[in-house]
Amino acid sequence: MTPLEITANLVTALCIILAGRNNVHTWWTGIVGCILFGWLFYGSQLYADATLQIFFVGTGIIGWRRWVHGHDGGSMPIRRTHARALLLMATAGLLVAAGYGWLLHRFTNAFAPVPDSLVLVFSVIAQLLLMDRRLESWHGWLIVNTISVPLYFHRGLYLTAGFYTVFWVNALVSLLHWRRLMKA
C-alpha cells in the first residue's frame, strides 16, 4: 500500500459517492482520481486499466459539461436505455474485451489480460451511460466492480480491492437511489 494508492482511492471514493448522489462535482473529482489511478495501474502492469484512466479523464470533461448544460442547454434527467441497445453494447463489449485481451496477452507482460480488458470495456460502457444519466450505468458499474475486486486483490492492490468492494455496494445503493429519483 503506497501513498499513491491511498490518495487515488480516497479521491475516487469521493467521486463515486457524488455520482451516486447525482452531484455534478463527481466529474472534477473523478478527473483527479483517474490521473492518480492511471499512474498506479501503469506501475502495476495493469495496462488496460491505465489506458482506461486516460479515457475517463476525457469523458470526465465531457460529462461535467453535459451535466451542467445538458444536451441542448437544458437539464438532463435520469432515464432508461432500451433493452436492444444494452444487448448490443454488451455483445460488442465482450467481443472487444476478447480482442484487446488477446492483444495484451500476445504483445505485453500484462498481469491478467482478459479480466483487465473486461474491466476496461465495461467501464467504458458504464461511463458512457453515466455521462448520459442512464440508470443502467449502475448495472455496468456492478459488473466492473465484481471483476475488479479479485483482479486487484490478486495483483496485491489490497486497499484498492477493498475500496472496489465498497464501490460495488455504492453502485447498488446508487442504482436504487437513481430509481427513486426517476420516479419522483
Protein backbone atom coordinates (compact mmCIF):
# COMPACT_ATOMS: atom_id res chain seq x y z
CA MET A 1 0.00 0.00 0.00
CA THR A 2 1.55 3.24 -1.16
CA PRO A 3 0.59 6.89 -0.61
CA LEU A 4 -0.39 6.96 -4.31
CA GLU A 5 -2.80 4.03 -3.88
CA ILE A 6 -4.31 5.57 -0.73
CA THR A 7 -4.80 9.01 -2.35
CA ALA A 8 -6.21 7.57 -5.60
CA ASN A 9 -8.74 5.52 -3.66
CA LEU A 10 -9.84 8.35 -1.37
CA VAL A 11 -10.34 10.83 -4.21
CA THR A 12 -12.13 8.22 -6.33
CA ALA A 13 -14.34 7.23 -3.39
CA LEU A 14 -15.47 10.85 -3.11
CA CYS A 15 -16.15 10.92 -6.87
CA ILE A 16 -18.22 7.73 -6.77
CA ILE A 17 -20.25 8.84 -3.78
CA LEU A 18 -21.00 12.13 -5.55
CA ALA A 19 -22.04 10.25 -8.72
CA GLY A 20 -24.42 8.11 -6.70
CA ARG A 21 -25.93 11.26 -5.23
CA ASN A 22 -26.39 12.66 -8.77
CA ASN A 23 -23.99 15.53 -7.92
CA VAL A 24 -22.11 17.37 -10.70
CA HIS A 25 -18.92 17.57 -8.59
CA THR A 26 -18.42 13.89 -9.36
CA TRP A 27 -16.73 14.90 -12.60
CA TRP A 28 -13.81 17.06 -11.45
CA THR A 29 -13.06 14.76 -8.51
CA GLY A 30 -13.16 11.86 -10.96
CA ILE A 31 -10.62 13.53 -13.23
CA VAL A 32 -8.16 13.89 -10.34
CA GLY A 33 -8.76 10.31 -9.20
CA CYS A 34 -8.25 8.97 -12.72
CA ILE A 35 -4.91 10.70 -13.12
CA LEU A 36 -3.75 9.12 -9.86
CA PHE A 37 -5.10 5.67 -10.74
CA GLY A 38 -3.52 5.82 -14.21
CA TRP A 39 -0.14 6.24 -12.59
CA LEU A 40 -0.84 3.43 -10.08
CA PHE A 41 -2.14 0.92 -12.64
CA TYR A 42 0.70 1.53 -15.08
CA GLY A 43 3.19 0.76 -12.34
CA SER A 44 1.25 -2.44 -11.53
CA GLN A 45 1.32 -3.69 -15.16
CA LEU A 46 -2.45 -3.30 -15.50
CA TYR A 47 -2.13 -1.57 -18.85
CA ALA A 48 -5.78 -1.76 -19.88
CA ASP A 49 -6.75 -0.13 -16.58
CA ALA A 50 -4.08 2.54 -17.08
CA THR A 51 -5.40 3.24 -20.59
CA LEU A 52 -8.91 3.40 -19.20
CA GLN A 53 -7.92 6.28 -16.92
CA ILE A 54 -6.99 8.40 -19.95
CA PHE A 55 -10.46 7.72 -21.36
CA PHE A 56 -12.02 8.65 -18.01
CA VAL A 57 -10.22 12.00 -17.91
CA GLY A 58 -11.59 12.88 -21.37
CA THR A 59 -15.11 11.69 -20.61
CA GLY A 60 -14.92 13.41 -17.24
CA ILE A 61 -14.55 16.73 -19.00
CA ILE A 62 -17.40 15.94 -21.39
CA GLY A 63 -19.63 14.52 -18.64
CA TRP A 64 -19.04 17.56 -16.45
CA ARG A 65 -20.11 19.84 -19.26
CA ARG A 66 -23.15 17.72 -20.15
CA TRP A 67 -24.38 17.52 -16.57
CA VAL A 68 -24.04 21.29 -16.18
CA HIS A 69 -25.51 22.29 -19.56
CA GLY A 70 -27.48 19.23 -20.74
CA HIS A 71 -27.71 18.18 -24.37
CA ASP A 72 -29.24 21.41 -25.62
CA GLY A 73 -28.62 23.76 -22.70
CA GLY A 74 -31.46 22.31 -20.58
CA SER A 75 -31.30 19.93 -17.67
CA MET A 76 -30.68 16.27 -18.39
CA PRO A 77 -32.96 13.90 -16.46
CA ILE A 78 -32.14 10.34 -15.39
CA ARG A 79 -33.62 7.92 -17.92
CA ARG A 80 -33.58 4.30 -19.08
CA THR A 81 -31.82 2.67 -22.02
CA HIS A 82 -33.66 0.36 -24.44
CA ALA A 83 -33.01 -3.35 -23.90
CA ARG A 84 -31.88 -3.80 -27.51
CA ALA A 85 -29.23 -1.09 -27.13
CA LEU A 86 -27.99 -2.70 -23.91
CA LEU A 87 -27.75 -6.10 -25.59
CA LEU A 88 -25.77 -4.62 -28.47
CA MET A 89 -23.43 -2.82 -26.04
CA ALA A 90 -22.86 -5.99 -24.02
CA THR A 91 -22.20 -8.13 -27.09
CA ALA A 92 -19.82 -5.58 -28.59
CA GLY A 93 -18.17 -5.21 -25.20
CA LEU A 94 -17.46 -8.92 -24.90
CA LEU A 95 -16.02 -9.06 -28.41
CA VAL A 96 -13.80 -6.01 -27.89
CA ALA A 97 -12.63 -7.31 -24.50
CA ALA A 98 -11.69 -10.66 -26.04
CA GLY A 99 -9.73 -8.95 -28.81
CA TYR A 100 -7.98 -6.50 -26.51
CA GLY A 101 -7.24 -9.26 -24.01
CA TRP A 102 -5.60 -11.27 -26.77
CA LEU A 103 -3.51 -8.26 -27.82
CA LEU A 104 -2.36 -7.65 -24.25
CA HIS A 105 -1.54 -11.34 -23.82
CA ARG A 106 0.36 -11.52 -27.09
CA PHE A 107 2.28 -8.24 -27.02
CA THR A 108 2.74 -7.17 -23.37
CA ASN A 109 3.64 -8.56 -19.98
CA ALA A 110 0.14 -7.73 -18.70
CA PHE A 111 -0.73 -9.43 -15.42
CA ALA A 112 -4.28 -10.58 -16.28
CA PRO A 113 -5.10 -9.53 -19.84
CA VAL A 114 -8.68 -10.82 -20.13
CA PRO A 115 -10.07 -9.61 -16.78
CA ASP A 116 -8.16 -6.34 -17.23
CA SER A 117 -9.76 -5.94 -20.68
CA LEU A 118 -13.23 -6.74 -19.34
CA VAL A 119 -12.81 -4.01 -16.72
CA LEU A 120 -11.71 -1.58 -19.43
CA VAL A 121 -14.53 -2.30 -21.87
CA PHE A 122 -17.38 -2.44 -19.39
CA SER A 123 -16.07 0.66 -17.62
CA VAL A 124 -16.24 2.48 -20.95
CA ILE A 125 -19.82 1.34 -21.44
CA ALA A 126 -20.82 2.26 -17.88
CA GLN A 127 -19.11 5.64 -18.17
CA LEU A 128 -20.87 6.48 -21.42
CA LEU A 129 -24.20 5.57 -19.84
CA LEU A 130 -23.35 7.66 -16.75
CA MET A 131 -22.45 10.68 -18.90
CA ASP A 132 -25.94 10.47 -20.39
CA ARG A 133 -27.53 9.96 -16.93
CA ARG A 134 -28.76 6.48 -17.80
CA LEU A 135 -29.98 4.32 -14.92
CA GLU A 136 -28.26 1.25 -16.37
CA SER A 137 -24.84 2.79 -15.80
CA TRP A 138 -25.08 1.39 -12.27
CA HIS A 139 -25.59 -2.14 -13.62
CA GLY A 140 -22.40 -1.63 -15.59
CA TRP A 141 -20.52 -0.48 -12.50
CA LEU A 142 -21.74 -3.55 -10.62
CA ILE A 143 -20.22 -5.75 -13.34
CA VAL A 144 -16.97 -3.77 -13.38
CA ASN A 145 -16.58 -3.87 -9.61
CA THR A 146 -17.36 -7.60 -9.49
CA ILE A 147 -14.44 -8.25 -11.86
CA SER A 148 -12.15 -5.60 -10.35
CA VAL A 149 -12.16 -6.81 -6.74
CA PRO A 150 -10.45 -10.17 -7.36
CA LEU A 151 -8.23 -8.70 -10.10
CA TYR A 152 -6.81 -6.01 -7.81
CA PHE A 153 -6.58 -8.41 -4.87
CA HIS A 154 -4.52 -10.91 -6.88
CA ARG A 155 -2.23 -8.11 -8.05
CA GLY A 156 -1.53 -7.14 -4.45
CA LEU A 157 -3.55 -3.92 -4.55
CA TYR A 158 -5.40 -4.88 -1.36
CA LEU A 159 -6.56 -1.38 -0.47
CA THR A 160 -7.90 -0.87 -4.00
CA ALA A 161 -9.67 -4.26 -3.87
CA GLY A 162 -11.24 -3.20 -0.57
CA PHE A 163 -12.37 0.15 -1.96
CA TYR A 164 -13.83 -1.55 -5.04
CA THR A 165 -15.83 -3.78 -2.71
CA VAL A 166 -17.24 -0.59 -1.17
CA PHE A 167 -17.76 0.80 -4.69
CA TRP A 168 -19.81 -2.33 -5.51
CA VAL A 169 -22.09 -1.59 -2.55
CA ASN A 170 -22.24 2.08 -3.58
CA ALA A 171 -23.25 1.07 -7.12
CA LEU A 172 -26.14 -0.98 -5.74
CA VAL A 173 -27.25 1.84 -3.42
CA SER A 174 -26.88 4.37 -6.25
CA LEU A 175 -28.97 2.22 -8.58
CA LEU A 176 -31.78 2.20 -6.03
CA HIS A 177 -31.37 5.94 -5.36
CA TRP A 178 -31.49 6.80 -9.08
CA ARG A 179 -34.63 4.66 -9.48
CA ARG A 180 -36.29 6.72 -6.75
CA LEU A 181 -35.14 9.96 -8.40
CA MET A 182 -36.59 8.83 -11.75
CA LYS A 183 -39.97 8.15 -10.19
CA ALA A 184 -40.06 11.49 -8.37
